[in-house]
C-alpha atoms as a PDB file:
ATOM      1  CA  MET A   1    -127.352 -59.774  77.906  1.00  0.00           C
ATOM      2  CA  SER A   2    -127.670 -59.067  81.525  1.00  0.00           C
ATOM      3  CA  ARG A   3    -128.265 -55.584  82.725  1.00  0.00           C
ATOM      4  CA  SER A   4    -127.542 -53.857  86.006  1.00  0.00           C
ATOM      5  CA  ALA A   5    -130.233 -52.285  88.197  1.00  0.00           C
ATOM      6  CA  SER A   6    -129.868 -48.889  86.492  1.00  0.00           C
ATOM      7  CA  GLY A   7    -130.511 -50.470  83.047  1.00  0.00           C
ATOM      8  CA  ALA A   8    -126.951 -50.212  81.763  1.00  0.00           C
ATOM      9  CA  PRO A   9    -125.112 -53.284  80.248  1.00  0.00           C
ATOM     10  CA  ALA A  10    -122.944 -55.150  82.854  1.00  0.00           C
ATOM     11  CA  PRO A  11    -119.382 -54.783  82.911  1.00  0.00           C
ATOM     12  CA  ALA A  12    -118.590 -58.196  81.449  1.00  0.00           C
ATOM     13  CA  ASP A  13    -120.973 -57.693  78.533  1.00  0.00           C
ATOM     14  CA  THR A  14    -119.328 -54.363  77.747  1.00  0.00           C
ATOM     15  CA  VAL A  15    -115.929 -56.014  77.577  1.00  0.00           C
ATOM     16  CA  ARG A  16    -117.253 -58.772  75.309  1.00  0.00           C
ATOM     17  CA  ILE A  17    -118.791 -56.065  72.905  1.00  0.00           C
ATOM     18  CA  ARG A  18    -115.746 -54.150  72.550  1.00  0.00           C
ATOM     19  CA  PHE A  19    -113.651 -57.390  71.903  1.00  0.00           C
ATOM     20  CA  GLN A  20    -116.097 -58.518  69.220  1.00  0.00           C
ATOM     21  CA  ALA A  21    -115.969 -54.900  67.534  1.00  0.00           C
ATOM     22  CA  ALA A  22    -112.247 -54.970  67.544  1.00  0.00           C
ATOM     23  CA  ALA A  23    -112.055 -58.419  66.156  1.00  0.00           C
ATOM     24  CA  SER A  24    -114.386 -57.630  63.226  1.00  0.00           C
ATOM     25  CA  ARG A  25    -112.037 -54.928  62.011  1.00  0.00           C
ATOM     26  CA  LYS A  26    -109.856 -55.935  59.072  1.00  0.00           C
ATOM     27  CA  VAL A  27    -106.418 -54.542  59.828  1.00  0.00           C
ATOM     28  CA  ALA A  28    -103.931 -55.014  56.871  1.00  0.00           C
ATOM     29  CA  PRO A  29    -100.356 -56.039  57.719  1.00  0.00           C
ATOM     30  CA  ALA A  30     -98.089 -53.127  57.776  1.00  0.00           C
ATOM     31  CA  HIS A  31     -95.284 -54.797  55.811  1.00  0.00           C
ATOM     32  CA  ASP A  32     -96.962 -57.147  53.433  1.00  0.00           C
ATOM     33  CA  PRO A  33     -94.448 -58.062  50.688  1.00  0.00           C
ATOM     34  CA  VAL A  34     -97.293 -58.478  47.968  1.00  0.00           C
ATOM     35  CA  ASP A  35     -98.613 -54.996  48.725  1.00  0.00           C
ATOM     36  CA  GLN A  36     -95.118 -53.581  48.858  1.00  0.00           C
ATOM     37  CA  ALA A  37     -94.302 -55.177  45.399  1.00  0.00           C
ATOM     38  CA  ARG A  38     -97.439 -53.795  44.034  1.00  0.00           C
ATOM     39  CA  ALA A  39     -97.035 -50.389  45.467  1.00  0.00           C
ATOM     40  CA  ARG A  40     -93.562 -49.866  44.158  1.00  0.00           C
ATOM     41  CA  PRO A  41     -92.860 -46.740  42.109  1.00  0.00           C
ATOM     42  CA  ALA A  42     -92.873 -47.754  38.352  1.00  0.00           C
ATOM     43  CA  TRP A  43     -90.323 -44.908  37.585  1.00  0.00           C
ATOM     44  CA  PRO A  44     -87.931 -42.907  39.598  1.00  0.00           C
ATOM     45  CA  ILE A  45     -88.672 -39.297  40.345  1.00  0.00           C
ATOM     46  CA  PRO A  46     -89.574 -37.529  38.121  1.00  0.00           C
ATOM     47  CA  ARG A  47     -92.470 -39.431  36.737  1.00  0.00           C
ATOM     48  CA  GLY A  48     -93.996 -38.977  33.240  1.00  0.00           C
ATOM     49  CA  GLY A  49     -95.918 -35.743  33.521  1.00  0.00           C
ATOM     50  CA  ARG A  50     -93.232 -33.981  35.472  1.00  0.00           C
ATOM     51  CA  ALA A  51     -90.495 -35.061  33.044  1.00  0.00           C
ATOM     52  CA  ARG A  52     -92.572 -33.965  30.128  1.00  0.00           C
ATOM     53  CA  ARG A  53     -93.178 -30.420  31.539  1.00  0.00           C
ATOM     54  CA  THR A  54     -89.408 -30.159  32.448  1.00  0.00           C
ATOM     55  CA  LEU A  55     -88.604 -31.131  28.802  1.00  0.00           C
ATOM     56  CA  THR A  56     -91.082 -28.774  27.398  1.00  0.00           C
ATOM     57  CA  ARG A  57     -89.686 -25.905  29.355  1.00  0.00           C
ATOM     58  CA  ASN A  58     -86.043 -26.547  28.173  1.00  0.00           C
ATOM     59  CA  PRO A  59     -85.588 -24.212  24.853  1.00  0.00           C
ATOM     60  CA  ALA A  60     -82.300 -25.924  23.880  1.00  0.00           C
ATOM     61  CA  ALA A  61     -83.965 -29.425  24.042  1.00  0.00           C
ATOM     62  CA  LEU A  62     -86.935 -28.306  21.999  1.00  0.00           C
ATOM     63  CA  THR A  63     -84.745 -26.753  19.520  1.00  0.00           C
ATOM     64  CA  GLY A  64     -82.757 -30.063  19.068  1.00  0.00           C
ATOM     65  CA  LEU A  65     -86.083 -31.928  18.922  1.00  0.00           C
ATOM     66  CA  ALA A  66     -87.362 -29.811  16.223  1.00  0.00           C
ATOM     67  CA  PHE A  67     -84.436 -30.042  14.046  1.00  0.00           C
ATOM     68  CA  LEU A  68     -84.433 -33.650  14.444  1.00  0.00           C
ATOM     69  CA  CYS A  69     -88.083 -33.820  13.461  1.00  0.00           C
ATOM     70  CA  ALA A  70     -87.345 -31.775  10.442  1.00  0.00           C
ATOM     71  CA  ILE A  71     -84.300 -33.999   9.298  1.00  0.00           C
ATOM     72  CA  LEU A  72     -86.551 -37.189   9.904  1.00  0.00           C
ATOM     73  CA  ALA A  73     -89.345 -35.549   7.900  1.00  0.00           C
ATOM     74  CA  THR A  74     -87.028 -34.746   5.156  1.00  0.00           C
ATOM     75  CA  ALA A  75     -85.558 -38.244   5.090  1.00  0.00           C
ATOM     76  CA  CYS A  76     -89.055 -39.763   4.876  1.00  0.00           C
ATOM     77  CA  LEU A  77     -90.086 -37.526   2.001  1.00  0.00           C
ATOM     78  CA  ALA A  78     -86.860 -38.064   0.072  1.00  0.00           C
ATOM     79  CA  PRO A  79     -88.400 -40.228  -2.630  1.00  0.00           C
ATOM     80  CA  VAL A  80     -91.088 -37.574  -3.084  1.00  0.00           C
ATOM     81  CA  LEU A  81     -88.821 -34.539  -3.125  1.00  0.00           C
ATOM     82  CA  TYR A  82     -86.040 -36.198  -5.378  1.00  0.00           C
ATOM     83  CA  PRO A  83     -87.421 -39.373  -6.875  1.00  0.00           C
ATOM     84  CA  ASP A  84     -84.441 -39.788  -9.265  1.00  0.00           C
ATOM     85  CA  ASP A  85     -81.283 -41.688  -8.269  1.00  0.00           C
ATOM     86  CA  PRO A  86     -79.191 -39.329  -6.210  1.00  0.00           C
ATOM     87  CA  LEU A  87     -76.118 -40.838  -7.774  1.00  0.00           C
ATOM     88  CA  GLY A  88     -77.230 -40.085 -11.301  1.00  0.00           C
ATOM     89  CA  MET A  89     -75.567 -37.353 -13.283  1.00  0.00           C
ATOM     90  CA  VAL A  90     -78.159 -34.780 -13.980  1.00  0.00           C
ATOM     91  CA  GLY A  91     -76.302 -31.618 -14.834  1.00  0.00           C
ATOM     92  CA  ARG A  92     -72.892 -30.110 -15.751  1.00  0.00           C
ATOM     93  CA  PRO A  93     -70.158 -30.525 -13.187  1.00  0.00           C
ATOM     94  CA  LEU A  94     -69.338 -28.065 -10.438  1.00  0.00           C
ATOM     95  CA  ILE A  95     -72.348 -25.586 -10.512  1.00  0.00           C
ATOM     96  CA  TRP A  96     -72.096 -23.351  -7.466  1.00  0.00           C
ATOM     97  CA  PRO A  97     -75.070 -23.034  -5.061  1.00  0.00           C
ATOM     98  CA  GLY A  98     -77.431 -20.323  -6.358  1.00  0.00           C
ATOM     99  CA  GLN A  99     -76.125 -20.468  -9.802  1.00  0.00           C
ATOM    100  CA  ASP A 100     -78.839 -22.516 -11.312  1.00  0.00           C
ATOM    101  CA  ALA A 101     -82.396 -22.547  -9.976  1.00  0.00           C
ATOM    102  CA  GLU A 102     -82.817 -26.174 -10.866  1.00  0.00           C
ATOM    103  CA  PHE A 103     -79.786 -27.188  -8.661  1.00  0.00           C
ATOM    104  CA  PRO A 104     -80.265 -24.753  -5.659  1.00  0.00           C
ATOM    105  CA  LEU A 105     -77.287 -26.314  -3.885  1.00  0.00           C
ATOM    106  CA  GLY A 106     -75.186 -26.849  -7.062  1.00  0.00           C
ATOM    107  CA  THR A 107     -73.587 -30.132  -8.388  1.00  0.00           C
ATOM    108  CA  ASP A 108     -70.500 -32.115  -7.595  1.00  0.00           C
ATOM    109  CA  SER A 109     -67.648 -32.859  -9.811  1.00  0.00           C
ATOM    110  CA  LEU A 110     -69.854 -35.562 -11.617  1.00  0.00           C
ATOM    111  CA  GLY A 111     -72.765 -33.542 -12.185  1.00  0.00           C
ATOM    112  CA  ARG A 112     -74.839 -35.028  -9.261  1.00  0.00           C
ATOM    113  CA  ASP A 113     -77.289 -32.821  -7.539  1.00  0.00           C
ATOM    114  CA  VAL A 114     -75.951 -31.990  -3.888  1.00  0.00           C
ATOM    115  CA  ALA A 115     -79.400 -31.302  -2.527  1.00  0.00           C
ATOM    116  CA  ALA A 116     -80.714 -34.663  -3.645  1.00  0.00           C
ATOM    117  CA  GLY A 117     -77.524 -36.221  -2.034  1.00  0.00           C
ATOM    118  CA  LEU A 118     -78.171 -34.455   1.238  1.00  0.00           C
ATOM    119  CA  VAL A 119     -81.831 -35.423   1.453  1.00  0.00           C
ATOM    120  CA  HIS A 120     -81.125 -39.140   0.402  1.00  0.00           C
ATOM    121  CA  GLY A 121     -78.021 -39.154   2.578  1.00  0.00           C
ATOM    122  CA  ALA A 122     -80.162 -38.353   5.660  1.00  0.00           C
ATOM    123  CA  ARG A 123     -82.024 -41.672   5.144  1.00  0.00           C
ATOM    124  CA  VAL A 124     -78.815 -43.499   5.224  1.00  0.00           C
ATOM    125  CA  SER A 125     -76.958 -41.756   7.975  1.00  0.00           C
ATOM    126  CA  LEU A 126     -80.035 -41.635  10.353  1.00  0.00           C
ATOM    127  CA  LEU A 127     -80.902 -45.294   9.503  1.00  0.00           C
ATOM    128  CA  VAL A 128     -77.280 -46.478  10.327  1.00  0.00           C
ATOM    129  CA  GLY A 129     -77.364 -44.304  13.517  1.00  0.00           C
ATOM    130  CA  ILE A 130     -80.621 -45.588  14.994  1.00  0.00           C
ATOM    131  CA  ALA A 131     -80.095 -49.163  13.856  1.00  0.00           C
ATOM    132  CA  ALA A 132     -76.607 -49.256  15.210  1.00  0.00           C
ATOM    133  CA  THR A 133     -77.806 -47.951  18.604  1.00  0.00           C
ATOM    134  CA  VAL A 134     -80.504 -50.582  18.815  1.00  0.00           C
ATOM    135  CA  VAL A 135     -77.860 -53.197  18.196  1.00  0.00           C
ATOM    136  CA  GLY A 136     -75.538 -51.667  20.814  1.00  0.00           C
ATOM    137  CA  LEU A 137     -78.479 -51.502  23.336  1.00  0.00           C
ATOM    138  CA  ALA A 138     -79.624 -55.046  22.784  1.00  0.00           C
ATOM    139  CA  LEU A 139     -75.941 -56.424  23.360  1.00  0.00           C
ATOM    140  CA  GLY A 140     -75.367 -53.981  26.333  1.00  0.00           C
ATOM    141  CA  LEU A 141     -78.660 -55.139  28.003  1.00  0.00           C
ATOM    142  CA  ALA A 142     -77.785 -58.761  27.312  1.00  0.00           C
ATOM    143  CA  VAL A 143     -74.412 -58.416  29.077  1.00  0.00           C
ATOM    144  CA  GLY A 144     -74.891 -55.736  31.637  1.00  0.00           C
ATOM    145  CA  ALA A 145     -78.250 -56.810  33.174  1.00  0.00           C
ATOM    146  CA  PRO A 146     -77.055 -60.465  34.301  1.00  0.00           C
ATOM    147  CA  ALA A 147     -73.827 -58.926  35.412  1.00  0.00           C
ATOM    148  CA  GLY A 148     -75.470 -56.424  37.657  1.00  0.00           C
ATOM    149  CA  TYR A 149     -78.227 -58.415  38.774  1.00  0.00           C
ATOM    150  CA  PHE A 150     -76.461 -61.939  39.772  1.00  0.00           C
ATOM    151  CA  GLY A 151     -73.099 -60.633  40.762  1.00  0.00           C
ATOM    152  CA  GLY A 152     -70.443 -63.147  41.675  1.00  0.00           C
ATOM    153  CA  TRP A 153     -68.635 -65.173  39.106  1.00  0.00           C
ATOM    154  CA  ILE A 154     -71.124 -64.320  36.309  1.00  0.00           C
ATOM    155  CA  ASP A 155     -70.383 -60.649  36.941  1.00  0.00           C
ATOM    156  CA  ARG A 156     -66.668 -61.295  36.901  1.00  0.00           C
ATOM    157  CA  VAL A 157     -66.714 -63.126  33.570  1.00  0.00           C
ATOM    158  CA  LEU A 158     -68.837 -60.696  31.864  1.00  0.00           C
ATOM    159  CA  VAL A 159     -66.931 -57.767  33.109  1.00  0.00           C
ATOM    160  CA  ARG A 160     -63.721 -59.408  31.653  1.00  0.00           C
ATOM    161  CA  LEU A 161     -65.513 -59.759  28.332  1.00  0.00           C
ATOM    162  CA  ILE A 162     -66.403 -56.012  28.415  1.00  0.00           C
ATOM    163  CA  GLU A 163     -62.796 -55.193  29.092  1.00  0.00           C
ATOM    164  CA  ILE A 164     -61.690 -57.137  26.257  1.00  0.00           C
ATOM    165  CA  PHE A 165     -63.656 -55.195  23.920  1.00  0.00           C
ATOM    166  CA  GLN A 166     -62.565 -51.932  25.495  1.00  0.00           C
ATOM    167  CA  ALA A 167     -58.933 -52.883  25.407  1.00  0.00           C
ATOM    168  CA  VAL A 168     -58.937 -52.131  21.516  1.00  0.00           C
ATOM    169  CA  PRO A 169     -59.795 -48.525  20.342  1.00  0.00           C
ATOM    170  CA  ALA A 170     -63.322 -48.538  19.004  1.00  0.00           C
ATOM    171  CA  PHE A 171     -62.691 -46.758  15.802  1.00  0.00           C
ATOM    172  CA  ILE A 172     -59.684 -49.138  14.825  1.00  0.00           C
ATOM    173  CA  LEU A 173     -61.896 -52.125  15.557  1.00  0.00           C
ATOM    174  CA  LEU A 174     -64.599 -50.845  13.500  1.00  0.00           C
ATOM    175  CA  VAL A 175     -62.343 -50.179  10.580  1.00  0.00           C
ATOM    176  CA  VAL A 176     -60.886 -53.703  10.976  1.00  0.00           C
ATOM    177  CA  VAL A 177     -64.329 -55.336  10.964  1.00  0.00           C
ATOM    178  CA  VAL A 178     -65.612 -53.390   8.114  1.00  0.00           C
ATOM    179  CA  ALA A 179     -62.535 -53.812   5.981  1.00  0.00           C
ATOM    180  CA  ILE A 180     -62.730 -57.626   6.533  1.00  0.00           C
ATOM    181  CA  ALA A 181     -66.485 -57.867   5.639  1.00  0.00           C
ATOM    182  CA  GLN A 182     -67.985 -56.396   2.508  1.00  0.00           C
ATOM    183  CA  PRO A 183     -68.770 -52.700   3.102  1.00  0.00           C
ATOM    184  CA  SER A 184     -72.513 -52.292   2.988  1.00  0.00           C
ATOM    185  CA  VAL A 185     -75.216 -50.588   5.163  1.00  0.00           C
ATOM    186  CA  THR A 186     -75.911 -53.675   7.143  1.00  0.00           C
ATOM    187  CA  THR A 187     -72.336 -54.410   7.829  1.00  0.00           C
ATOM    188  CA  ILE A 188     -71.601 -51.057   8.951  1.00  0.00           C
ATOM    189  CA  THR A 189     -74.574 -50.988  11.131  1.00  0.00           C
ATOM    190  CA  ILE A 190     -73.660 -54.223  12.774  1.00  0.00           C
ATOM    191  CA  ALA A 191     -69.926 -53.161  13.220  1.00  0.00           C
ATOM    192  CA  ILE A 192     -70.829 -49.973  14.905  1.00  0.00           C
ATOM    193  CA  GLY A 193     -73.091 -51.834  17.240  1.00  0.00           C
ATOM    194  CA  LEU A 194     -70.318 -54.260  18.156  1.00  0.00           C
ATOM    195  CA  VAL A 195     -67.942 -51.464  18.968  1.00  0.00           C
ATOM    196  CA  THR A 196     -70.459 -49.345  21.141  1.00  0.00           C
ATOM    197  CA  TRP A 197     -72.282 -51.851  23.274  1.00  0.00           C
ATOM    198  CA  PRO A 198     -69.507 -51.917  26.177  1.00  0.00           C
ATOM    199  CA  THR A 199     -70.646 -48.432  27.143  1.00  0.00           C
ATOM    200  CA  ILE A 200     -74.232 -49.467  27.594  1.00  0.00           C
ATOM    201  CA  ALA A 201     -73.260 -52.795  29.327  1.00  0.00           C
ATOM    202  CA  ARG A 202     -71.238 -50.803  32.057  1.00  0.00           C
ATOM    203  CA  LEU A 203     -73.956 -48.425  32.530  1.00  0.00           C
ATOM    204  CA  VAL A 204     -76.669 -51.079  32.730  1.00  0.00           C
ATOM    205  CA  ARG A 205     -74.518 -53.169  35.074  1.00  0.00           C
ATOM    206  CA  ALA A 206     -74.063 -50.139  37.393  1.00  0.00           C
ATOM    207  CA  GLU A 207     -77.747 -49.377  37.429  1.00  0.00           C
ATOM    208  CA  PHE A 208     -78.720 -53.057  38.161  1.00  0.00           C
ATOM    209  CA  ARG A 209     -76.171 -53.177  41.011  1.00  0.00           C
ATOM    210  CA  ALA A 210     -77.615 -50.111  42.452  1.00  0.00           C
ATOM    211  CA  ILE A 211     -81.317 -51.287  42.189  1.00  0.00           C
ATOM    212  CA  ARG A 212     -81.218 -54.879  42.982  1.00  0.00           C
ATOM    213  CA  GLU A 213     -81.047 -54.182  46.704  1.00  0.00           C
ATOM    214  CA  LYS A 214     -84.168 -51.731  46.766  1.00  0.00           C
ATOM    215  CA  GLU A 215     -87.184 -52.817  48.911  1.00  0.00           C
ATOM    216  CA  PHE A 216     -89.508 -53.423  45.896  1.00  0.00           C
ATOM    217  CA  VAL A 217     -86.950 -55.867  44.429  1.00  0.00           C
ATOM    218  CA  MET A 218     -86.576 -57.610  47.753  1.00  0.00           C
ATOM    219  CA  ALA A 219     -90.322 -57.777  48.008  1.00  0.00           C
ATOM    220  CA  ALA A 220     -90.696 -59.187  44.491  1.00  0.00           C
ATOM    221  CA  ARG A 221     -88.265 -61.938  45.421  1.00  0.00           C
ATOM    222  CA  SER A 222     -90.091 -62.747  48.659  1.00  0.00           C
ATOM    223  CA  VAL A 223     -93.323 -63.522  46.783  1.00  0.00           C
ATOM    224  CA  GLY A 224     -91.563 -65.754  44.420  1.00  0.00           C
ATOM    225  CA  TYR A 225     -91.040 -63.722  41.137  1.00  0.00           C
ATOM    226  CA  GLY A 226     -88.578 -65.422  38.825  1.00  0.00           C
ATOM    227  CA  HIS A 227     -85.258 -63.738  38.036  1.00  0.00           C
ATOM    228  CA  LEU A 228     -86.396 -63.002  34.345  1.00  0.00           C
ATOM    229  CA  ARG A 229     -89.603 -61.206  35.654  1.00  0.00           C
ATOM    230  CA  ILE A 230     -87.523 -59.167  38.337  1.00  0.00           C
ATOM    231  CA  ILE A 231     -85.208 -58.047  35.602  1.00  0.00           C
ATOM    232  CA  LEU A 232     -87.556 -57.115  33.103  1.00  0.00           C
ATOM    233  CA  ARG A 233     -90.640 -55.973  35.009  1.00  0.00           C
ATOM    234  CA  GLU A 234     -89.104 -54.569  38.129  1.00  0.00           C
ATOM    235  CA  ILE A 235     -85.453 -53.439  37.643  1.00  0.00           C
ATOM    236  CA  LEU A 236     -85.250 -52.403  33.965  1.00  0.00           C
ATOM    237  CA  PRO A 237     -88.114 -49.908  33.958  1.00  0.00           C
ATOM    238  CA  ASN A 238     -86.349 -48.029  36.931  1.00  0.00           C
ATOM    239  CA  ALA A 239     -82.954 -48.171  35.085  1.00  0.00           C
ATOM    240  CA  LEU A 240     -84.335 -46.832  31.591  1.00  0.00           C
ATOM    241  CA  PRO A 241     -83.849 -42.889  32.200  1.00  0.00           C
ATOM    242  CA  PRO A 242     -79.927 -43.054  32.074  1.00  0.00           C
ATOM    243  CA  ILE A 243     -80.110 -45.493  29.306  1.00  0.00           C
ATOM    244  CA  ILE A 244     -82.457 -43.457  27.195  1.00  0.00           C
ATOM    245  CA  VAL A 245     -79.979 -40.442  27.668  1.00  0.00           C
ATOM    246  CA  THR A 246     -77.061 -42.484  26.656  1.00  0.00           C
ATOM    247  CA  ALA A 247     -78.974 -43.768  23.640  1.00  0.00           C
ATOM    248  CA  SER A 248     -79.382 -40.266  22.224  1.00  0.00           C
ATOM    249  CA  VAL A 249     -75.603 -39.680  22.501  1.00  0.00           C
ATOM    250  CA  MET A 250     -74.944 -43.096  20.938  1.00  0.00           C
ATOM    251  CA  VAL A 251     -77.035 -42.224  17.814  1.00  0.00           C
ATOM    252  CA  ALA A 252     -74.889 -39.119  17.299  1.00  0.00           C
ATOM    253  CA  SER A 253     -71.603 -41.163  17.764  1.00  0.00           C
ATOM    254  CA  ALA A 254     -72.912 -43.675  15.233  1.00  0.00           C
ATOM    255  CA  ILE A 255     -73.591 -41.054  12.660  1.00  0.00           C
ATOM    256  CA  LEU A 256     -69.988 -39.724  13.123  1.00  0.00           C
ATOM    257  CA  MET A 257     -68.530 -43.299  12.874  1.00  0.00           C
ATOM    258  CA  GLU A 258     -70.526 -44.015   9.594  1.00  0.00           C
ATOM    259  CA  SER A 259     -69.454 -40.513   8.180  1.00  0.00           C
ATOM    260  CA  ALA A 260     -65.813 -41.263   9.029  1.00  0.00           C
ATOM    261  CA  LEU A 261     -66.026 -44.643   7.359  1.00  0.00           C
ATOM    262  CA  ALA A 262     -67.516 -43.168   4.257  1.00  0.00           C
ATOM    263  CA  PHE A 263     -64.890 -40.415   4.102  1.00  0.00           C
ATOM    264  CA  MET A 264     -62.256 -43.131   4.218  1.00  0.00           C
ATOM    265  CA  GLY A 265     -63.856 -45.043   1.370  1.00  0.00           C
ATOM    266  CA  LEU A 266     -65.217 -47.856   3.503  1.00  0.00           C
ATOM    267  CA  GLY A 267     -68.778 -46.916   3.027  1.00  0.00           C
ATOM    268  CA  ASP A 268     -71.510 -48.586   0.951  1.00  0.00           C
ATOM    269  CA  PRO A 269     -70.678 -47.643  -2.632  1.00  0.00           C
ATOM    270  CA  ASN A 270     -74.369 -48.274  -3.667  1.00  0.00           C
ATOM    271  CA  VAL A 271     -75.788 -45.604  -1.626  1.00  0.00           C
ATOM    272  CA  VAL A 272     -75.057 -41.875  -0.761  1.00  0.00           C
ATOM    273  CA  SER A 273     -74.570 -40.610   2.669  1.00  0.00           C
ATOM    274  CA  TRP A 274     -73.120 -37.455   4.247  1.00  0.00           C
ATOM    275  CA  GLY A 275     -69.832 -38.872   4.926  1.00  0.00           C
ATOM    276  CA  SER A 276     -69.598 -40.214   1.267  1.00  0.00           C
ATOM    277  CA  MET A 277     -70.299 -36.646   0.009  1.00  0.00           C
ATOM    278  CA  ILE A 278     -67.498 -35.247   2.130  1.00  0.00           C
ATOM    279  CA  GLY A 279     -65.115 -37.982   1.031  1.00  0.00           C
ATOM    280  CA  ALA A 280     -66.052 -37.210  -2.728  1.00  0.00           C
ATOM    281  CA  GLY A 281     -65.590 -33.498  -2.430  1.00  0.00           C
ATOM    282  CA  ARG A 282     -62.268 -33.409  -0.502  1.00  0.00           C
ATOM    283  CA  GLU A 283     -60.415 -33.595  -3.779  1.00  0.00           C
ATOM    284  CA  HIS A 284     -61.910 -30.192  -4.677  1.00  0.00           C
ATOM    285  CA  LEU A 285     -61.599 -28.639  -1.294  1.00  0.00           C
ATOM    286  CA  ARG A 286     -59.676 -25.521  -2.604  1.00  0.00           C
ATOM    287  CA  THR A 287     -61.870 -24.848  -5.920  1.00  0.00           C
ATOM    288  CA  ALA A 288     -65.287 -26.150  -4.732  1.00  0.00           C
ATOM    289  CA  TRP A 289     -65.378 -26.158  -0.855  1.00  0.00           C
ATOM    290  CA  TYR A 290     -69.175 -26.162  -0.734  1.00  0.00           C
ATOM    291  CA  LEU A 291     -69.103 -30.058  -1.518  1.00  0.00           C
ATOM    292  CA  THR A 292     -67.698 -30.759   1.915  1.00  0.00           C
ATOM    293  CA  ALA A 293     -68.970 -27.819   3.739  1.00  0.00           C
ATOM    294  CA  LEU A 294     -72.732 -28.464   3.133  1.00  0.00           C
ATOM    295  CA  PRO A 295     -72.812 -32.025   4.245  1.00  0.00           C
ATOM    296  CA  GLY A 296     -70.337 -31.181   7.035  1.00  0.00           C
ATOM    297  CA  VAL A 297     -72.644 -28.527   8.329  1.00  0.00           C
ATOM    298  CA  VAL A 298     -75.645 -30.890   8.236  1.00  0.00           C
ATOM    299  CA  ILE A 299     -73.759 -33.504  10.286  1.00  0.00           C
ATOM    300  CA  VAL A 300     -72.704 -30.733  12.851  1.00  0.00           C
ATOM    301  CA  PHE A 301     -76.229 -29.578  13.339  1.00  0.00           C
ATOM    302  CA  THR A 302     -77.702 -33.110  13.616  1.00  0.00           C
ATOM    303  CA  VAL A 303     -75.100 -34.137  16.239  1.00  0.00           C
ATOM    304  CA  LEU A 304     -75.550 -30.897  18.168  1.00  0.00           C
ATOM    305  CA  ALA A 305     -79.346 -31.505  17.965  1.00  0.00           C
ATOM    306  CA  LEU A 306     -78.955 -35.038  19.329  1.00  0.00           C
ATOM    307  CA  ASN A 307     -76.745 -33.867  22.133  1.00  0.00           C
ATOM    308  CA  LEU A 308     -79.140 -30.933  23.090  1.00  0.00           C
ATOM    309  CA  LEU A 309     -82.053 -33.439  23.222  1.00  0.00           C
ATOM    310  CA  GLY A 310     -79.956 -35.812  25.173  1.00  0.00           C
ATOM    311  CA  ASP A 311     -79.173 -33.026  27.684  1.00  0.00           C
ATOM    312  CA  GLY A 312     -82.756 -32.142  27.995  1.00  0.00           C
ATOM    313  CA  LEU A 313     -83.776 -35.712  28.570  1.00  0.00           C
ATOM    314  CA  ASN A 314     -80.955 -36.000  31.293  1.00  0.00           C
ATOM    315  CA  ASP A 315     -82.586 -32.866  32.860  1.00  0.00           C
ATOM    316  CA  ALA A 316     -86.048 -34.278  32.693  1.00  0.00           C
ATOM    317  CA  LEU A 317     -85.388 -37.854  33.701  1.00  0.00           C
ATOM    318  CA  ASN A 318     -82.694 -37.562  36.438  1.00  0.00           C
ATOM    319  CA  PRO A 319     -84.296 -37.615  39.686  1.00  0.00           C
ATOM    320  CA  ARG A 320     -81.460 -35.815  41.441  1.00  0.00           C
ATOM    321  CA  ILE A 321     -81.516 -32.810  39.004  1.00  0.00           C
ATOM    322  CA  ALA A 322     -85.237 -32.644  39.339  1.00  0.00           C
ATOM    323  CA  ALA A 323     -84.969 -32.489  43.114  1.00  0.00           C
ATOM    324  CA  GLU A 324     -82.154 -29.862  43.018  1.00  0.00           C
ATOM    325  CA  ARG A 325     -84.473 -27.676  40.844  1.00  0.00           C
ATOM    326  CA  ARG A 326     -87.453 -28.036  43.242  1.00  0.00           C
ATOM    327  CA  ILE A 327     -85.260 -26.927  46.213  1.00  0.00           C
END
């Protein structure tokens, strides 16, 4: 390296040194699709911690969650609390609540323990409600996801399929399906799932149509991700919050549908449920109103708890509500 008379580097050497220093720096591209796909938000705002804090600060949602936990615990402990058959005749008929300590909630017209029926009925009603919701979610995702993601003729065909199911009133279709098949817990569960999936399908389709044009989805396409990976790994996690909220409401609707079927005599005759208890007690509505009031109150509070929890989840997972709350 040449130096000038004063000992400083020559101007040409100074330019070369600066050029080598600039070339040695590693500058990342500003819009790398791979980095954009990896840096995408896994969930919409609010994220997990903020959503939990919002939910825990909602007293109505916590009340509903506490009641649901109590019902679930009672249903799980039913064989321990009342190990005998809830359909067995264990006492004299029509004992009123509080009249006999052995039967705190009384007995029905056949001498069956009402408390045992409520506890064991919780298992059937909750099982049907949750399982039917899972069936409806699976069918709704299978139809709504490709319709919203691909669009075009696939969307048109699947939307027509949804409209065909929605053209018939849901409960009438449910009654027809259960009446044709042999009434059982499995049949009722599948039938309720078959009549409730269009709601989820339309919701999933709308969410996928809104998310498929987002930047992180376009970045995932540009790096060569397949359609299935984009649907399951990129779009579905961001569409889950409204689906979760709707699922909580679907559980409540499924419980009401099962109760209505059992009230009409289309329930499983081999098990006891809250609806079947109401149906069995309607003949004694004037003389023994507690036979219908007690299971009816349990259904009302369970459905109310599910709706309160659904509203709380909506407040916690909906990014628009969270943003308005922060303003």
